[in-house]
Amino acid sequence: MRSRAAGSRITDKSHRAATLIARLGFAARGLVYLLVGWFALDAARRGNAPADNQEAMGSLLHQPLGQVLLGIVTLGLLGYALWRFSEAVFDPERRGTSAGAIVERIGFGWSALVHTTLAVYAGRLALRLARPETRPGDERAQDWSGWLMEQPGGVWLLGGIGLLLIGGAGAQAWKAWRNKFASELSGDVPLPRYVCMAGQIGYAARALVFALVGWALLAAAWHARAQEAGGMSQALRTLRDGPFGSLLLAIVAAGLMLFGVYSFIEARFRRVRVGK
């Protein structure tokens, strides 16, 4: 009986620790989106190049206690990645194995991979094992897209990643339109309207960026030209260079910052289930 009770206490502590780290992950994600949105807003005002998430994290290194902050961001992003991996593999929220649920869980796996990559980069910055990224994000996207297309079946895989991002953009847009993300927060008290509005605008802005990145990857795969690939900074630059570009970029930048704010709200109130 004692060993069973002790095992139960250990399990409870593990779940609480995993939940806490996942919540820290939402906060870390929020900080990154606040920085990306801020740099995009500055780009809309000054006409300079927007930054992506890696460049945004690199800017922290030059701030007071930047290494400490990057260490916290690293831990948070790893926690978020582990939580998404848990959702993809163990399905703690019981989404099931329908076609829609499988696609959603594949998206969680992709999110886990992306946030693991970001966490490794943030950790290397914090430990001074890497310097802040100076190359534009679209050049980095072209590099890995070119490498991927050189592998067997790489063109199809790159196209699949593009379709996955476009599908993710559709899911984000649907969340924004239906305002169903509020049900993911704990508590029975209805959310204030301004909280829901921040989430809706944030998800809509994120959907647009995801769609642009996915479309660029799909075009690169279709034409077998890595030069057509691009990342977040390329997507934001596409907005800036279009009709009413500065205004549109400023609106999307504000939306990304609101998504960052909503991520902080999720860090406190999101229902987080871990394990099997």
Protein backbone atom coordinates (compact mmCIF):
# COMPACT_ATOMS: atom_id res chain seq x y z
CA MET A 1 0.00 0.00 0.00
CA ARG A 2 2.81 2.40 0.95
CA SER A 3 4.72 1.76 -2.28
CA ARG A 4 1.54 2.29 -4.30
CA ALA A 5 0.82 5.56 -2.48
CA ALA A 6 4.43 6.67 -2.95
CA GLY A 7 4.22 5.86 -6.64
CA SER A 8 1.00 7.86 -6.88
CA ARG A 9 2.67 10.86 -5.23
CA ILE A 10 5.59 10.64 -7.64
CA THR A 11 3.18 10.48 -10.58
CA ASP A 12 1.26 13.49 -9.29
CA LYS A 13 4.47 15.46 -8.85
CA SER A 14 5.60 14.51 -12.35
CA HIS A 15 2.30 15.63 -13.83
CA ARG A 16 2.42 18.92 -11.93
CA ALA A 17 5.99 19.54 -13.09
CA ALA A 18 5.10 18.70 -16.71
CA THR A 19 2.07 20.99 -16.53
CA LEU A 20 4.14 23.82 -15.08
CA ILE A 21 6.78 23.49 -17.81
CA ALA A 22 4.07 23.40 -20.50
CA ARG A 23 2.61 26.63 -19.07
CA LEU A 24 6.08 28.17 -19.14
CA GLY A 25 6.14 27.13 -22.80
CA PHE A 26 3.03 29.19 -23.56
CA ALA A 27 4.71 32.18 -21.91
CA ALA A 28 7.90 31.63 -23.92
CA ARG A 29 5.88 31.39 -27.13
CA GLY A 30 4.10 34.59 -26.16
CA LEU A 31 7.38 36.43 -25.69
CA VAL A 32 8.66 35.29 -29.09
CA TYR A 33 5.48 36.44 -30.85
CA LEU A 34 5.56 39.77 -29.04
CA LEU A 35 9.11 40.33 -30.33
CA VAL A 36 8.29 39.20 -33.88
CA GLY A 37 5.25 41.48 -33.93
CA TRP A 38 7.25 44.40 -32.55
CA PHE A 39 9.96 44.03 -35.20
CA ALA A 40 7.29 43.70 -37.91
CA LEU A 41 5.62 46.89 -36.66
CA ASP A 42 8.98 48.64 -36.79
CA ALA A 43 9.48 47.31 -40.34
CA ALA A 44 6.09 48.71 -41.36
CA ARG A 45 7.06 52.11 -39.96
CA ARG A 46 10.66 52.30 -41.17
CA GLY A 47 10.53 50.07 -44.27
CA ASN A 48 13.33 47.78 -43.09
CA ALA A 49 13.32 43.97 -43.16
CA PRO A 50 10.97 42.16 -40.74
CA ALA A 51 12.48 39.62 -38.34
CA ASP A 52 11.54 35.98 -37.86
CA ASN A 53 11.37 34.06 -34.59
CA GLN A 54 15.10 33.17 -34.53
CA GLU A 55 16.15 36.77 -35.15
CA ALA A 56 13.70 37.92 -32.48
CA MET A 57 15.22 35.54 -29.93
CA GLY A 58 18.71 36.68 -30.91
CA SER A 59 17.78 40.24 -29.96
CA LEU A 60 17.33 39.11 -26.35
CA LEU A 61 21.03 38.33 -26.05
CA HIS A 62 21.88 42.05 -26.09
CA GLN A 63 19.44 42.89 -23.29
CA PRO A 64 20.24 42.99 -19.55
CA LEU A 65 20.16 39.42 -18.19
CA GLY A 66 19.69 38.29 -21.78
CA GLN A 67 21.39 34.93 -21.25
CA VAL A 68 19.21 34.19 -18.22
CA LEU A 69 16.08 35.14 -20.14
CA LEU A 70 17.13 32.96 -23.07
CA GLY A 71 17.71 30.07 -20.67
CA ILE A 72 14.13 30.45 -19.39
CA VAL A 73 12.85 30.66 -22.97
CA THR A 74 14.78 27.48 -23.81
CA LEU A 75 13.18 25.60 -20.93
CA GLY A 76 9.75 26.91 -21.86
CA LEU A 77 10.02 26.03 -25.54
CA LEU A 78 11.26 22.54 -24.67
CA GLY A 79 8.33 22.11 -22.31
CA TYR A 80 5.91 23.26 -24.99
CA ALA A 81 7.50 20.89 -27.52
CA LEU A 82 7.22 17.96 -25.10
CA TRP A 83 3.58 18.77 -24.43
CA ARG A 84 2.80 18.90 -28.15
CA PHE A 85 4.69 15.63 -28.63
CA SER A 86 2.55 14.10 -25.86
CA GLU A 87 -0.60 15.32 -27.62
CA ALA A 88 0.59 13.85 -30.92
CA VAL A 89 1.57 10.42 -29.55
CA PHE A 90 -0.47 9.76 -26.39
CA ASP A 91 -3.58 11.80 -27.21
CA PRO A 92 -4.34 12.82 -23.59
CA GLU A 93 -7.37 14.85 -24.70
CA ARG A 94 -8.86 11.79 -26.43
CA ARG A 95 -9.26 13.24 -29.89
CA GLY A 96 -9.35 9.73 -31.32
CA THR A 97 -8.21 8.27 -34.61
CA SER A 98 -10.60 9.82 -37.11
CA ALA A 99 -9.11 11.42 -40.22
CA GLY A 100 -9.49 14.91 -38.79
CA ALA A 101 -7.96 13.88 -35.46
CA ILE A 102 -4.99 12.22 -37.17
CA VAL A 103 -4.31 15.35 -39.21
CA GLU A 104 -4.55 17.45 -36.05
CA ARG A 105 -2.14 15.15 -34.22
CA ILE A 106 0.32 15.30 -37.12
CA GLY A 107 0.15 19.07 -36.75
CA PHE A 108 0.99 18.71 -33.06
CA GLY A 109 4.00 16.60 -34.00
CA TRP A 110 5.17 19.24 -36.46
CA SER A 111 4.72 21.91 -33.78
CA ALA A 112 6.82 19.80 -31.40
CA LEU A 113 9.60 19.58 -34.00
CA VAL A 114 9.55 23.32 -34.74
CA HIS A 115 9.61 24.32 -31.08
CA THR A 116 12.37 21.81 -30.32
CA THR A 117 14.47 23.43 -33.05
CA LEU A 118 13.76 26.88 -31.60
CA ALA A 119 14.60 25.66 -28.09
CA VAL A 120 17.94 24.24 -29.25
CA TYR A 121 18.77 27.54 -30.96
CA ALA A 122 17.78 29.56 -27.86
CA GLY A 123 19.85 27.24 -25.67
CA ARG A 124 22.90 27.62 -27.88
CA LEU A 125 22.51 31.40 -27.69
CA ALA A 126 22.15 31.29 -23.91
CA LEU A 127 25.34 29.22 -23.58
CA ARG A 128 27.19 31.40 -26.10
CA LEU A 129 27.62 28.39 -28.36
CA ALA A 130 26.04 30.30 -31.25
CA ARG A 131 25.83 33.89 -32.36
CA PRO A 132 22.55 35.66 -33.14
CA GLU A 133 21.38 34.80 -36.66
CA THR A 134 22.31 37.48 -39.17
CA ARG A 135 21.14 35.83 -42.40
CA PRO A 136 17.58 36.61 -43.51
CA GLY A 137 15.08 33.90 -42.64
CA ASP A 138 14.19 33.26 -46.28
CA GLU A 139 17.82 32.37 -47.05
CA ARG A 140 17.78 29.82 -44.24
CA ALA A 141 14.48 28.43 -45.51
CA GLN A 142 15.96 28.13 -49.00
CA ASP A 143 18.99 26.31 -47.62
CA TRP A 144 17.05 23.61 -45.81
CA SER A 145 14.48 23.37 -48.61
CA GLY A 146 17.27 22.83 -51.13
CA TRP A 147 18.86 20.18 -48.92
CA LEU A 148 15.53 18.43 -48.47
CA MET A 149 14.79 18.37 -52.20
CA GLU A 150 18.12 16.66 -52.82
CA GLN A 151 17.01 13.70 -50.68
CA PRO A 152 14.97 10.77 -52.06
CA GLY A 153 11.33 11.86 -52.12
CA GLY A 154 12.37 15.26 -50.78
CA VAL A 155 10.27 17.26 -53.24
CA TRP A 156 7.14 15.41 -52.14
CA LEU A 157 8.07 15.87 -48.49
CA LEU A 158 8.59 19.60 -48.96
CA GLY A 159 5.25 19.85 -50.71
CA GLY A 160 3.68 17.92 -47.83
CA ILE A 161 5.14 20.39 -45.34
CA GLY A 162 3.70 23.24 -47.39
CA LEU A 163 0.27 21.59 -47.43
CA LEU A 164 0.52 20.93 -43.69
CA LEU A 165 1.20 24.63 -43.04
CA ILE A 166 -1.67 25.67 -45.29
CA GLY A 167 -3.91 23.22 -43.45
CA GLY A 168 -2.66 24.66 -40.17
CA ALA A 169 -3.49 28.13 -41.46
CA GLY A 170 -7.03 26.96 -42.19
CA ALA A 171 -7.35 25.56 -38.68
CA GLN A 172 -6.09 28.83 -37.18
CA ALA A 173 -8.52 30.83 -39.30
CA TRP A 174 -11.39 28.53 -38.27
CA LYS A 175 -10.46 29.05 -34.61
CA ALA A 176 -10.48 32.80 -35.15
CA TRP A 177 -13.83 32.75 -36.94
CA ARG A 178 -15.67 30.41 -34.56
CA ASN A 179 -13.98 31.67 -31.37
CA LYS A 180 -13.82 28.05 -30.16
CA PHE A 181 -10.35 28.41 -28.64
CA ALA A 182 -11.94 29.96 -25.54
CA SER A 183 -13.23 26.49 -24.60
CA GLU A 184 -9.60 25.41 -24.13
CA LEU A 185 -9.26 27.69 -21.11
CA SER A 186 -10.19 26.52 -17.62
CA GLY A 187 -12.93 28.06 -15.55
CA ASP A 188 -16.68 28.44 -15.89
CA VAL A 189 -16.71 32.24 -15.98
CA PRO A 190 -17.16 33.62 -19.54
CA LEU A 191 -14.06 35.36 -20.86
CA PRO A 192 -14.13 39.16 -21.20
CA ARG A 193 -14.85 40.23 -24.74
CA TYR A 194 -11.45 41.91 -25.12
CA VAL A 195 -9.69 38.63 -24.30
CA CYS A 196 -11.65 36.78 -26.98
CA MET A 197 -11.02 39.62 -29.43
CA ALA A 198 -7.26 39.47 -28.79
CA GLY A 199 -7.31 35.73 -29.43
CA GLN A 200 -9.36 36.05 -32.60
CA ILE A 201 -7.16 38.76 -34.11
CA GLY A 202 -4.02 36.88 -33.06
CA TYR A 203 -5.15 33.59 -34.59
CA ALA A 204 -6.20 35.36 -37.80
CA ALA A 205 -2.79 37.05 -38.15
CA ARG A 206 -1.02 33.77 -37.46
CA ALA A 207 -3.21 32.02 -40.06
CA LEU A 208 -2.21 34.53 -42.73
CA VAL A 209 1.51 34.10 -41.99
CA PHE A 210 1.20 30.29 -41.96
CA ALA A 211 -0.64 30.37 -45.30
CA LEU A 212 2.03 32.53 -46.95
CA VAL A 213 4.88 30.35 -45.67
CA GLY A 214 3.06 27.17 -46.71
CA TRP A 215 2.30 28.54 -50.17
CA ALA A 216 5.97 29.48 -50.70
CA LEU A 217 7.11 25.97 -49.74
CA LEU A 218 4.47 24.41 -51.96
CA ALA A 219 5.56 26.60 -54.90
CA ALA A 220 9.21 25.67 -54.28
CA ALA A 221 8.31 21.97 -54.36
CA TRP A 222 6.05 22.33 -57.43
CA HIS A 223 8.71 24.14 -59.45
CA ALA A 224 11.64 22.28 -57.81
CA ARG A 225 13.23 25.63 -57.04
CA ALA A 226 14.49 26.16 -53.51
CA GLN A 227 14.78 29.90 -54.25
CA GLU A 228 10.98 30.16 -54.04
CA ALA A 229 10.89 28.91 -50.44
CA GLY A 230 10.63 31.35 -47.57
CA GLY A 231 10.02 31.59 -43.86
CA MET A 232 8.20 33.96 -41.55
CA SER A 233 10.30 37.00 -42.45
CA GLN A 234 9.66 36.34 -46.15
CA ALA A 235 5.91 36.13 -45.50
CA LEU A 236 5.96 39.45 -43.63
CA ARG A 237 8.04 41.04 -46.39
CA THR A 238 5.52 39.82 -48.97
CA LEU A 239 2.82 41.68 -47.07
CA ARG A 240 4.97 44.80 -46.85
CA ASP A 241 5.71 44.82 -50.59
CA GLY A 242 2.08 44.42 -51.69
CA PRO A 243 -0.67 47.01 -52.14
CA PHE A 244 -1.17 49.06 -48.95
CA GLY A 245 1.79 47.03 -47.71
CA SER A 246 2.87 49.13 -44.73
CA LEU A 247 -0.68 49.34 -43.40
CA LEU A 248 -1.33 45.62 -43.91
CA LEU A 249 1.98 44.68 -42.29
CA ALA A 250 1.22 46.94 -39.32
CA ILE A 251 -2.17 45.25 -38.87
CA VAL A 252 -0.65 41.76 -39.02
CA ALA A 253 2.17 42.86 -36.68
CA ALA A 254 -0.39 44.06 -34.16
CA GLY A 255 -2.19 40.72 -34.56
CA LEU A 256 0.99 38.76 -33.87
CA MET A 257 1.59 40.84 -30.74
CA LEU A 258 -1.98 40.15 -29.62
CA PHE A 259 -1.33 36.44 -30.18
CA GLY A 260 1.66 36.83 -27.87
CA VAL A 261 -0.56 38.47 -25.25
CA TYR A 262 -3.12 35.68 -25.60
CA SER A 263 -0.34 33.12 -25.19
CA PHE A 264 0.41 34.65 -21.78
CA ILE A 265 -3.27 34.25 -20.91
CA GLU A 266 -3.04 30.61 -21.98
CA ALA A 267 0.04 30.19 -19.79
CA ARG A 268 -2.19 30.92 -16.81
CA PHE A 269 -5.57 29.51 -17.77
CA ARG A 270 -5.07 26.86 -20.50
CA ARG A 271 -6.28 23.38 -19.61
CA VAL A 272 -3.16 21.24 -19.93
CA ARG A 273 -3.36 17.45 -19.96
CA VAL A 274 -0.14 15.47 -20.02
CA GLY A 275 0.71 11.77 -20.25
CA LYS A 276 -1.48 9.00 -21.51
